[in-house]
Amino acid sequence: MAVDSTLHTAGMGLLGLALSVGAEGLLRPRPSLQRPAQAWVVHVALWFVVYALLVLLSGRAWCSMTGAFAIIMMLVLVSNAKYTSLREPFLVQDYDYFLDAVRYPRLFLPFLGVKGFLGAAAFFVLALVGLWLERPLSHTWPEQTSLVAILLAALFLLWRLRQHDWLLTFAPEADLRRLGLLAYFWAYGTALMQPPAALSPFAGRAKPAHRHELPHLVAIQSESFFDARSLYTGIRPEVLTAFDALIAQSVLHGPLTVPAWGANTVRTEFAFLTGITAQGMGAHAFNPYRPVISSWSVHSLPLFLQALGYRTICVHPHHAGFYGRDKALPRLGFDSFTDIHAFAHARREGAYVADAALAEHIGQILQTADRPTFVFAITMENHGPLHLERPQPGDAERLYHTPPPEGCDELTVYLRHLRNADAMFGALAKTMDALQRPASLCIYGDHVPIMPQAYSVLHPPAGTVPYACWQNQYVPEADIQGTAQPLAAHELAMTWLDSFRFFHLHP
């Protein structure tokens, strides 16, 4: 009887292993079966670690196999949903999004969809049915010993491969294709154990000579901001009237290459604030605030300005704990962080605080400032999911001179919020032009929006976003005159400061 039970347990484990490989065939992109031998070892070892632990805890082989396979299928479905929306498979760094999906369901669950959610849940239901109906194993000494031996052997193999050189490119799509799902997770997870080695260009910068000349600085990281007029010629050009005027008066503008597509704002945010490339961050590039929170020290724009006597303020009308900003931003040099609590009674547009309310708040900060002030604002109004909103009466007439094709409701909703962002830019420029101190406004997008239905009808954008740096009437003639200059996100802040004669940014 004990031999039969042991064979049954082993058979269920092998069946589940085969199913786990089959499940990878559903992934987008699909991993190759011709992968390094070490990748297969990791796949087998991780499978049997989970399976053996579940059997030891539940005493049921079929239930444990189904439960372990449910985990694999959940990862496949979530990864495919992410790849559809963001052109990037699920990362081991994304594990905290499961908790965020519970804390902020509107930001995450709509992208998985009802089918994806039910598909992931179905396998867990099967596991629970097995827990109820399946007869427990005998848990004899030989059977327990074999399970413990399998678990220890699998853990030993994983331990031996913890420092293996996986030749990672940190292009998730390519690494997933080459290694397979479980080895890809393992390789990225072990790479996270090493702190980043990147250095910020703000380290060791000299101070300017005259503090009284220092200008107010306002940087607007505008949610999902890009020039949507490139998608469809029927969009009215005046949706970006103020931004076009700022470009015409700018000292610096052009296309901005950002390390994110559709989401993952924090990647662009970190690049702007630190001047560090995604390549320089390696495995940490996908959530760069995590090593900052874990005590990694890095130089940054706000720390540089703080050392000059600036008051440094971050304003974000959302929850401070999202991305761990409440812990990361003080370490990057912000004196204060104003979050959603300061906007409890502010006007909303859609689900989020209106850009107009944010502009008013920033204006009040500048008008009462008694020393040079740097305001870094992260907007929320145009955050998706856009498909949860519907076009409003009159939107089509206000936003298009030629009606769009069917299936562009997401674009119409986006354009309404984009026009509001444009009004915010104009209001800020007007406020700053009325100040008696030199002031400069830097505007850029964090990434393009998620609009899969509209993109299927029209065409998806390349992923670059626009930026513009404008200065008020009290700023002397800039060293950079308003020619279009392509930049990457990590270059923008340094180039912006270089446009002033106040700052001498030599090492």
Protein backbone atom coordinates (compact mmCIF):
# COMPACT_ATOMS: atom_id res chain seq x y z
CA MET A 1 0.00 0.00 0.00
CA ALA A 2 2.82 2.40 0.88
CA VAL A 3 4.55 1.64 -2.45
CA ASP A 4 1.32 2.32 -4.37
CA SER A 5 0.84 5.59 -2.51
CA THR A 6 4.42 6.67 -3.22
CA LEU A 7 4.05 5.80 -6.92
CA HIS A 8 0.78 7.74 -7.04
CA THR A 9 2.44 10.77 -5.48
CA ALA A 10 5.38 10.56 -7.90
CA GLY A 11 3.07 10.07 -10.86
CA MET A 12 1.03 13.15 -9.95
CA GLY A 13 4.24 15.14 -9.63
CA LEU A 14 5.46 14.08 -13.08
CA LEU A 15 2.05 14.72 -14.64
CA GLY A 16 2.01 18.21 -13.18
CA LEU A 17 5.56 18.83 -14.41
CA ALA A 18 4.50 17.89 -17.95
CA LEU A 19 1.46 20.14 -17.68
CA SER A 20 3.62 23.02 -16.47
CA VAL A 21 5.74 22.75 -19.62
CA GLY A 22 2.57 22.56 -21.71
CA ALA A 23 1.21 25.69 -20.02
CA GLU A 24 4.26 27.62 -21.28
CA GLY A 25 2.95 27.02 -24.78
CA LEU A 26 0.10 29.41 -23.95
CA LEU A 27 2.50 32.22 -23.05
CA ARG A 28 3.02 35.28 -25.21
CA PRO A 29 5.83 35.35 -26.13
CA ARG A 30 6.20 31.57 -26.19
CA PRO A 31 9.41 30.21 -24.65
CA SER A 32 11.61 27.97 -26.73
CA LEU A 33 12.00 24.32 -25.75
CA GLN A 34 15.65 24.60 -26.83
CA ARG A 35 16.84 26.31 -23.69
CA PRO A 36 20.01 25.96 -21.57
CA ALA A 37 20.22 22.78 -19.49
CA GLN A 38 20.42 24.89 -16.31
CA ALA A 39 17.06 26.46 -17.22
CA TRP A 40 15.44 23.02 -17.36
CA VAL A 41 17.02 22.11 -14.02
CA VAL A 42 15.55 25.23 -12.42
CA HIS A 43 12.13 24.56 -13.96
CA VAL A 44 12.03 20.99 -12.62
CA ALA A 45 13.43 21.99 -9.22
CA LEU A 46 10.98 24.86 -8.69
CA TRP A 47 8.05 22.69 -9.71
CA PHE A 48 8.95 19.94 -7.26
CA VAL A 49 9.66 22.39 -4.42
CA VAL A 50 6.11 23.73 -4.68
CA TYR A 51 4.53 20.33 -5.32
CA ALA A 52 6.37 18.53 -2.50
CA LEU A 53 5.55 21.30 -0.01
CA LEU A 54 1.86 21.16 -0.92
CA VAL A 55 1.77 17.37 -0.59
CA LEU A 56 3.49 17.53 2.80
CA LEU A 57 1.02 20.17 3.98
CA SER A 58 -2.20 18.72 2.54
CA GLY A 59 -1.48 14.98 2.33
CA ARG A 60 -3.20 14.90 -1.07
CA ALA A 61 -1.28 14.37 -4.30
CA TRP A 62 -3.94 15.26 -6.90
CA CYS A 63 -4.99 18.35 -4.97
CA SER A 64 -1.35 19.44 -4.63
CA MET A 65 -0.64 18.91 -8.33
CA THR A 66 -3.72 20.91 -9.28
CA GLY A 67 -2.83 23.68 -6.83
CA ALA A 68 0.74 23.95 -8.10
CA PHE A 69 -0.50 23.93 -11.68
CA ALA A 70 -3.05 26.63 -10.76
CA ILE A 71 -0.15 28.86 -9.72
CA ILE A 72 1.53 28.28 -13.10
CA MET A 73 -1.69 29.04 -15.00
CA MET A 74 -2.31 32.18 -12.97
CA LEU A 75 1.17 33.43 -13.86
CA VAL A 76 0.59 32.59 -17.54
CA LEU A 77 -2.76 34.40 -17.67
CA VAL A 78 -1.50 37.44 -15.78
CA SER A 79 1.63 37.59 -17.94
CA ASN A 80 -0.43 37.42 -21.15
CA ALA A 81 -2.73 40.18 -19.90
CA LYS A 82 0.27 42.35 -19.09
CA TYR A 83 1.90 41.59 -22.44
CA THR A 84 -1.28 42.57 -24.30
CA SER A 85 -1.53 45.91 -22.51
CA LEU A 86 2.12 46.81 -21.91
CA ARG A 87 4.16 44.80 -24.43
CA GLU A 88 6.05 43.24 -21.55
CA PRO A 89 5.63 39.83 -19.87
CA PHE A 90 5.14 39.44 -16.14
CA LEU A 91 8.30 39.96 -14.08
CA VAL A 92 9.32 38.48 -10.77
CA GLN A 93 9.65 42.13 -9.70
CA ASP A 94 5.88 42.46 -10.23
CA TYR A 95 5.02 40.29 -7.26
CA ASP A 96 3.90 43.25 -5.17
CA TYR A 97 1.29 44.09 -7.81
CA PHE A 98 -0.80 41.20 -6.46
CA LEU A 99 -1.12 43.10 -3.19
CA ASP A 100 -1.63 46.38 -5.04
CA ALA A 101 -4.42 44.77 -7.06
CA VAL A 102 -6.25 44.21 -3.77
CA ARG A 103 -5.44 47.69 -2.42
CA TYR A 104 -6.10 49.57 -5.70
CA PRO A 105 -8.34 47.24 -7.76
CA ARG A 106 -9.37 49.89 -10.29
CA LEU A 107 -5.77 50.31 -11.44
CA PHE A 108 -5.14 46.61 -12.10
CA LEU A 109 -8.07 44.21 -12.31
CA PRO A 110 -9.72 45.76 -15.42
CA PHE A 111 -6.60 44.93 -17.45
CA LEU A 112 -6.78 41.23 -16.49
CA GLY A 113 -10.41 41.07 -17.59
CA VAL A 114 -13.24 38.86 -16.43
CA LYS A 115 -12.13 35.89 -18.53
CA GLY A 116 -8.58 36.08 -17.24
CA PHE A 117 -9.74 36.38 -13.65
CA LEU A 118 -12.16 33.45 -13.95
CA GLY A 119 -9.57 31.36 -15.79
CA ALA A 120 -7.03 31.88 -13.03
CA ALA A 121 -9.64 31.18 -10.34
CA ALA A 122 -10.92 27.97 -11.97
CA PHE A 123 -7.75 25.99 -11.28
CA PHE A 124 -7.70 27.06 -7.64
CA VAL A 125 -11.32 25.91 -7.36
CA LEU A 126 -10.28 22.50 -8.73
CA ALA A 127 -7.56 22.31 -6.09
CA LEU A 128 -10.10 23.09 -3.35
CA VAL A 129 -12.46 20.43 -4.73
CA GLY A 130 -9.59 17.96 -4.54
CA LEU A 131 -8.88 18.97 -0.96
CA TRP A 132 -12.48 18.16 -0.12
CA LEU A 133 -12.99 14.95 -2.14
CA GLU A 134 -9.54 13.34 -2.32
CA ARG A 135 -8.67 10.77 0.31
CA PRO A 136 -5.58 11.76 2.31
CA LEU A 137 -2.37 9.80 1.73
CA SER A 138 -1.17 7.40 4.38
CA HIS A 139 1.85 9.60 5.27
CA THR A 140 3.98 6.55 5.99
CA TRP A 141 7.62 6.94 6.90
CA PRO A 142 8.95 5.87 3.42
CA GLU A 143 6.55 8.22 1.69
CA GLN A 144 7.41 11.16 3.93
CA THR A 145 11.12 10.44 3.51
CA SER A 146 10.87 10.39 -0.28
CA LEU A 147 8.99 13.70 -0.32
CA VAL A 148 11.51 15.35 1.99
CA ALA A 149 14.36 13.95 -0.11
CA ILE A 150 12.82 15.37 -3.30
CA LEU A 151 12.32 18.74 -1.60
CA LEU A 152 15.89 18.86 -0.28
CA ALA A 153 17.36 17.78 -3.63
CA ALA A 154 15.38 20.46 -5.48
CA LEU A 155 16.43 23.13 -2.99
CA PHE A 156 20.07 22.04 -3.28
CA LEU A 157 19.96 22.38 -7.08
CA LEU A 158 18.44 25.85 -6.79
CA TRP A 159 21.07 26.85 -4.25
CA ARG A 160 23.85 25.67 -6.57
CA LEU A 161 22.41 27.74 -9.43
CA ARG A 162 21.80 30.90 -7.39
CA GLN A 163 24.94 32.57 -8.81
CA HIS A 164 24.83 31.07 -12.28
CA ASP A 165 25.55 33.54 -15.07
CA TRP A 166 22.32 33.50 -17.04
CA LEU A 167 23.63 36.02 -19.60
CA LEU A 168 20.56 38.16 -19.03
CA THR A 169 19.78 40.96 -21.44
CA PHE A 170 17.12 42.46 -19.12
CA ALA A 171 14.90 42.63 -22.18
CA PRO A 172 12.12 40.54 -20.57
CA GLU A 173 10.62 39.25 -23.80
CA ALA A 174 13.96 37.89 -25.03
CA ASP A 175 14.95 36.42 -21.67
CA LEU A 176 11.57 34.69 -21.27
CA ARG A 177 11.85 33.14 -24.75
CA ARG A 178 15.33 31.82 -24.02
CA LEU A 179 14.91 30.55 -20.45
CA GLY A 180 11.27 29.59 -20.00
CA LEU A 181 8.92 30.98 -17.38
CA LEU A 182 10.27 29.52 -14.14
CA ALA A 183 13.97 29.88 -14.94
CA TYR A 184 13.30 33.43 -16.14
CA PHE A 185 11.73 34.23 -12.77
CA TRP A 186 14.60 32.56 -10.92
CA ALA A 187 17.29 34.36 -12.91
CA TYR A 188 15.70 37.78 -12.43
CA GLY A 189 15.06 37.05 -8.76
CA THR A 190 18.67 36.09 -8.04
CA ALA A 191 19.90 39.14 -9.99
CA LEU A 192 17.91 41.35 -7.59
CA MET A 193 20.06 40.15 -4.70
CA GLN A 194 22.92 42.37 -5.90
CA PRO A 195 22.48 46.13 -5.28
CA PRO A 196 22.67 48.46 -8.29
CA ALA A 197 26.12 49.68 -9.27
CA ALA A 198 24.85 52.70 -11.20
CA LEU A 199 26.06 56.23 -10.45
CA SER A 200 24.00 59.37 -10.89
CA PRO A 201 25.45 62.25 -12.93
CA PHE A 202 24.28 64.56 -10.13
CA ALA A 203 27.03 63.23 -7.87
CA GLY A 204 29.79 65.76 -7.20
CA ARG A 205 28.22 68.69 -9.02
CA ALA A 206 29.44 72.19 -8.10
CA LYS A 207 27.23 74.82 -6.50
CA PRO A 208 26.32 78.05 -8.33
CA ALA A 209 27.82 81.24 -6.97
CA HIS A 210 24.70 83.38 -6.38
CA ARG A 211 21.84 81.83 -4.46
CA HIS A 212 19.56 84.87 -4.83
CA GLU A 213 19.40 84.30 -8.60
CA LEU A 214 18.19 80.74 -8.35
CA PRO A 215 14.89 80.22 -10.18
CA HIS A 216 11.81 78.34 -9.08
CA LEU A 217 11.69 75.00 -10.90
CA VAL A 218 8.51 73.07 -11.69
CA ALA A 219 8.59 69.66 -13.39
CA ILE A 220 5.29 68.13 -14.49
CA GLN A 221 5.31 64.40 -15.12
CA SER A 222 2.00 64.29 -16.97
CA GLU A 223 0.23 60.93 -16.81
CA SER A 224 0.12 59.15 -20.20
CA PHE A 225 0.94 62.43 -21.98
CA PHE A 226 1.79 62.24 -25.66
CA ASP A 227 0.73 64.02 -28.83
CA ALA A 228 -2.29 61.92 -29.79
CA ARG A 229 -2.75 63.96 -32.98
CA SER A 230 -0.17 61.63 -34.53
CA LEU A 231 -2.68 58.77 -34.25
CA TYR A 232 -5.48 60.29 -36.28
CA THR A 233 -5.58 63.33 -38.55
CA GLY A 234 -9.19 64.10 -37.61
CA ILE A 235 -8.24 65.27 -34.10
CA ARG A 236 -8.59 69.01 -33.63
CA PRO A 237 -5.13 70.60 -33.31
CA GLU A 238 -6.36 72.91 -30.53
CA VAL A 239 -6.50 70.05 -28.01
CA LEU A 240 -2.85 71.00 -27.31
CA THR A 241 -3.05 74.76 -27.85
CA ALA A 242 -1.15 75.69 -24.68
CA PHE A 243 1.52 73.05 -25.15
CA ASP A 244 2.09 74.16 -28.74
CA ALA A 245 2.51 77.74 -27.49
CA LEU A 246 5.00 76.61 -24.84
CA ILE A 247 6.99 74.75 -27.48
CA ALA A 248 7.06 77.88 -29.61
CA GLN A 249 8.47 79.83 -26.64
CA SER A 250 10.59 77.03 -25.21
CA VAL A 251 14.32 76.94 -24.73
CA LEU A 252 14.26 73.18 -25.12
CA HIS A 253 11.77 70.71 -26.57
CA GLY A 254 11.54 67.55 -28.61
CA PRO A 255 10.78 63.83 -28.47
CA LEU A 256 11.63 62.00 -25.26
CA THR A 257 12.53 58.31 -25.17
CA VAL A 258 11.13 56.79 -21.98
CA PRO A 259 11.79 53.37 -20.38
CA ALA A 260 8.10 52.47 -20.12
CA TRP A 261 5.21 51.73 -22.47
CA GLY A 262 1.63 52.12 -21.24
CA ALA A 263 2.42 51.93 -17.50
CA ASN A 264 5.27 51.61 -14.98
CA THR A 265 5.47 55.34 -14.40
CA VAL A 266 8.14 54.87 -11.75
CA ARG A 267 10.73 53.88 -14.36
CA THR A 268 10.51 57.21 -16.18
CA GLU A 269 10.19 59.03 -12.88
CA PHE A 270 13.37 57.50 -11.49
CA ALA A 271 15.28 58.17 -14.72
CA PHE A 272 14.29 61.86 -14.64
CA LEU A 273 15.08 62.34 -10.94
CA THR A 274 18.43 60.51 -10.91
CA GLY A 275 19.77 60.69 -14.47
CA ILE A 276 20.43 56.93 -14.39
CA THR A 277 19.70 54.73 -17.40
CA ALA A 278 17.62 51.57 -17.26
CA GLN A 279 20.64 49.64 -18.50
CA GLY A 280 22.65 50.91 -15.56
CA MET A 281 20.07 49.57 -13.12
CA GLY A 282 20.06 46.02 -14.51
CA ALA A 283 17.41 43.87 -12.80
CA HIS A 284 16.42 46.82 -10.62
CA ALA A 285 15.34 48.91 -13.62
CA PHE A 286 11.81 47.52 -13.53
CA ASN A 287 11.03 48.90 -10.06
CA PRO A 288 13.96 51.18 -9.21
CA TYR A 289 12.43 52.53 -5.99
CA ARG A 290 12.73 49.14 -4.30
CA PRO A 291 16.54 49.31 -3.79
CA VAL A 292 16.17 52.95 -2.70
CA ILE A 293 13.69 51.87 -0.04
CA SER A 294 16.12 49.10 0.97
CA SER A 295 18.77 51.67 1.91
CA TRP A 296 20.63 51.99 -1.42
CA SER A 297 21.96 55.56 -1.53
CA VAL A 298 21.84 57.39 -4.84
CA HIS A 299 22.39 61.02 -5.85
CA SER A 300 19.49 62.82 -7.50
CA LEU A 301 18.15 66.10 -8.83
CA PRO A 302 16.25 66.99 -5.61
CA LEU A 303 19.28 66.18 -3.44
CA PHE A 304 21.43 68.39 -5.66
CA LEU A 305 18.89 71.24 -5.44
CA GLN A 306 18.38 70.71 -1.72
CA ALA A 307 22.11 71.28 -1.18
CA LEU A 308 21.74 74.64 -2.95
CA GLY A 309 19.10 75.82 -0.51
CA TYR A 310 16.02 74.80 -2.47
CA ARG A 311 12.84 73.67 -0.84
CA THR A 312 11.97 70.42 -2.64
CA ILE A 313 8.34 69.31 -2.85
CA CYS A 314 6.70 66.35 -4.56
CA VAL A 315 2.97 66.63 -5.27
CA HIS A 316 1.01 63.55 -6.34
CA PRO A 317 -2.79 63.42 -5.92
CA HIS A 318 -2.83 59.68 -5.26
CA HIS A 319 -1.89 57.35 -2.40
CA ALA A 320 1.60 57.99 -1.05
CA GLY A 321 2.33 54.30 -0.54
CA PHE A 322 1.94 53.43 -4.22
CA TYR A 323 5.35 52.31 -5.55
CA GLY A 324 6.63 52.98 -2.03
CA ARG A 325 6.97 56.66 -2.83
CA ASP A 326 6.35 57.61 0.79
CA LYS A 327 9.62 55.84 1.69
CA ALA A 328 11.65 56.39 -1.49
CA LEU A 329 11.08 60.09 -2.19
CA PRO A 330 12.47 61.41 1.13
CA ARG A 331 15.63 59.40 0.44
CA LEU A 332 15.86 61.04 -2.98
CA GLY A 333 15.86 64.50 -1.40
CA PHE A 334 12.28 65.73 -1.13
CA ASP A 335 11.52 67.85 1.93
CA SER A 336 7.83 67.07 1.69
CA PHE A 337 5.43 64.84 -0.21
CA THR A 338 1.86 66.01 -0.75
CA ASP A 339 -0.46 63.12 -1.61
CA ILE A 340 -4.19 62.47 -2.04
CA HIS A 341 -5.02 63.63 1.49
CA ALA A 342 -4.38 67.25 0.51
CA PHE A 343 -6.93 66.89 -2.32
CA ALA A 344 -9.80 65.36 -0.33
CA HIS A 345 -12.22 68.06 -1.51
CA ALA A 346 -10.58 68.83 -4.85
CA ARG A 347 -12.41 68.62 -8.16
CA ARG A 348 -12.34 65.25 -9.93
CA GLU A 349 -12.28 64.50 -13.64
CA GLY A 350 -13.29 60.89 -14.12
CA ALA A 351 -11.92 58.77 -11.29
CA TYR A 352 -9.02 61.00 -10.30
CA VAL A 353 -8.10 64.48 -9.11
CA ALA A 354 -8.39 67.00 -11.93
CA ASP A 355 -5.25 68.46 -13.44
CA ALA A 356 -6.82 71.88 -12.89
CA ALA A 357 -6.84 71.29 -9.13
CA LEU A 358 -3.20 70.25 -9.27
CA ALA A 359 -2.26 73.42 -11.17
CA GLU A 360 -4.04 75.52 -8.55
CA HIS A 361 -2.17 73.75 -5.73
CA ILE A 362 1.22 74.28 -7.40
CA GLY A 363 0.38 77.92 -8.03
CA GLN A 364 -0.29 78.44 -4.33
CA ILE A 365 3.06 76.89 -3.43
CA LEU A 366 4.94 79.20 -5.80
CA GLN A 367 3.06 82.34 -4.84
CA THR A 368 3.84 81.85 -1.13
CA ALA A 369 7.41 80.57 -1.53
CA ASP A 370 10.06 82.57 0.33
CA ARG A 371 13.07 80.79 -1.18
CA PRO A 372 13.93 78.91 -4.37
CA THR A 373 11.49 76.02 -4.70
CA PHE A 374 11.50 72.86 -6.78
CA VAL A 375 8.07 71.28 -7.32
CA PHE A 376 7.88 67.85 -8.91
CA ALA A 377 4.28 67.00 -9.77
CA ILE A 378 3.01 63.59 -10.83
CA THR A 379 -0.46 63.94 -12.35
CA MET A 380 -3.29 61.38 -12.17
CA GLU A 381 -6.24 62.64 -14.21
CA ASN A 382 -5.42 60.76 -17.41
CA HIS A 383 -4.60 57.48 -15.69
CA GLY A 384 -6.51 54.52 -17.10
CA PRO A 385 -8.21 52.22 -17.41
CA LEU A 386 -9.71 54.50 -20.05
CA HIS A 387 -12.25 51.89 -21.13
CA LEU A 388 -14.03 52.26 -17.78
CA GLU A 389 -15.11 55.77 -18.83
CA ARG A 390 -17.50 56.72 -21.61
CA PRO A 391 -17.42 59.72 -23.98
CA GLN A 392 -19.51 62.64 -22.78
CA PRO A 393 -22.06 64.57 -24.84
CA GLY A 394 -20.29 67.06 -27.06
CA ASP A 395 -16.88 65.37 -26.80
CA ALA A 396 -16.82 64.40 -30.47
CA GLU A 397 -17.53 67.94 -31.64
CA ARG A 398 -14.99 69.47 -29.25
CA LEU A 399 -12.20 67.00 -29.97
CA TYR A 400 -12.53 66.07 -33.67
CA HIS A 401 -13.11 67.93 -36.89
CA THR A 402 -13.64 64.55 -38.58
CA PRO A 403 -15.35 61.82 -36.53
CA PRO A 404 -13.10 58.85 -35.75
CA PRO A 405 -13.82 55.27 -36.86
CA GLU A 406 -15.85 52.93 -34.67
CA GLY A 407 -13.93 51.52 -31.73
CA CYS A 408 -12.21 54.76 -30.70
CA ASP A 409 -14.11 55.55 -27.50
CA GLU A 410 -10.89 55.11 -25.49
CA LEU A 411 -9.24 57.77 -27.65
CA THR A 412 -12.15 60.17 -27.16
CA VAL A 413 -11.95 59.77 -23.37
CA TYR A 414 -8.18 60.20 -23.50
CA LEU A 415 -8.44 63.38 -25.59
CA ARG A 416 -10.87 64.95 -23.12
CA HIS A 417 -8.34 64.47 -20.33
CA LEU A 418 -5.47 65.51 -22.63
CA ARG A 419 -7.19 68.82 -23.28
CA ASN A 420 -7.46 69.30 -19.51
CA ALA A 421 -3.73 68.58 -19.15
CA ASP A 422 -3.09 71.21 -21.81
CA ALA A 423 -5.16 73.72 -19.85
CA MET A 424 -3.08 72.90 -16.76
CA PHE A 425 0.13 73.66 -18.68
CA GLY A 426 -1.24 77.02 -19.79
CA ALA A 427 -2.45 77.92 -16.29
CA LEU A 428 0.93 77.09 -14.76
CA ALA A 429 2.80 79.14 -17.34
CA LYS A 430 0.51 82.11 -16.68
CA THR A 431 1.04 81.80 -12.92
CA MET A 432 4.81 81.51 -13.29
CA ASP A 433 5.03 84.43 -15.69
CA ALA A 434 3.41 86.62 -13.04
CA LEU A 435 6.02 85.74 -10.41
CA GLN A 436 8.74 88.24 -9.48
CA ARG A 437 11.38 85.49 -9.40
CA PRO A 438 12.87 83.64 -12.37
CA ALA A 439 11.02 80.38 -12.93
CA SER A 440 11.09 77.48 -15.35
CA LEU A 441 8.56 74.81 -16.27
CA CYS A 442 9.55 71.37 -17.56
CA ILE A 443 6.75 69.17 -18.94
CA TYR A 444 7.03 65.58 -20.13
CA GLY A 445 5.01 62.40 -20.35
CA ASP A 446 5.78 59.26 -18.39
CA HIS A 447 4.61 56.88 -21.14
CA VAL A 448 1.98 56.55 -23.84
CA PRO A 449 -1.54 55.51 -22.72
CA ILE A 450 -3.05 52.03 -22.81
CA MET A 451 -5.71 52.09 -25.55
CA PRO A 452 -5.64 48.59 -27.11
CA GLN A 453 -8.98 48.90 -28.89
CA ALA A 454 -8.17 52.29 -30.41
CA TYR A 455 -4.72 51.08 -31.44
CA SER A 456 -6.25 48.09 -33.20
CA VAL A 457 -8.41 50.46 -35.23
CA LEU A 458 -5.71 53.08 -35.86
CA HIS A 459 -2.08 52.20 -35.07
CA PRO A 460 -0.07 51.94 -31.85
CA PRO A 461 2.41 54.75 -31.11
CA ALA A 462 6.13 54.12 -31.09
CA GLY A 463 6.37 54.95 -27.40
CA THR A 464 8.20 58.29 -27.39
CA VAL A 465 6.55 61.24 -25.65
CA PRO A 466 7.03 65.00 -26.02
CA TYR A 467 8.78 67.31 -23.60
CA ALA A 468 9.18 71.08 -23.35
CA CYS A 469 11.17 73.38 -21.06
CA TRP A 470 9.88 76.93 -20.77
CA GLN A 471 11.18 79.91 -18.78
CA ASN A 472 9.37 83.01 -17.56
CA GLN A 473 10.17 86.58 -18.44
CA TYR A 474 12.72 87.03 -15.65
CA VAL A 475 15.10 84.35 -16.86
CA PRO A 476 18.06 85.73 -18.84
CA GLU A 477 18.62 84.46 -22.35
CA ALA A 478 19.18 80.74 -22.14
CA ASP A 479 22.29 78.94 -23.27
CA ILE A 480 20.09 76.57 -25.28
CA GLN A 481 17.69 78.14 -27.76
CA GLY A 482 14.47 76.37 -28.64
CA THR A 483 15.54 73.93 -31.31
CA ALA A 484 14.06 70.45 -31.19
CA GLN A 485 16.44 68.11 -29.42
CA PRO A 486 15.71 64.39 -28.99
CA LEU A 487 16.51 63.24 -25.46
CA ALA A 488 16.14 60.19 -23.25
CA ALA A 489 14.36 60.48 -19.90
CA HIS A 490 17.60 60.16 -17.94
CA GLU A 491 19.08 63.13 -19.86
CA LEU A 492 16.20 65.55 -19.42
CA ALA A 493 16.78 67.00 -15.93
CA MET A 494 20.49 67.63 -16.47
CA THR A 495 19.86 69.21 -19.88
CA TRP A 496 17.10 71.35 -18.39
CA LEU A 497 19.44 72.73 -15.71
CA ASP A 498 22.20 73.18 -18.28
CA SER A 499 19.91 75.58 -20.16
CA PHE A 500 20.29 78.08 -17.28
CA ARG A 501 23.25 80.32 -16.64
CA PHE A 502 22.53 79.95 -12.92
CA PHE A 503 23.86 76.39 -12.79
CA HIS A 504 27.39 75.29 -13.58
CA LEU A 505 27.09 71.54 -13.79
CA HIS A 506 30.70 70.54 -14.17
CA PRO A 507 31.88 67.61 -12.00
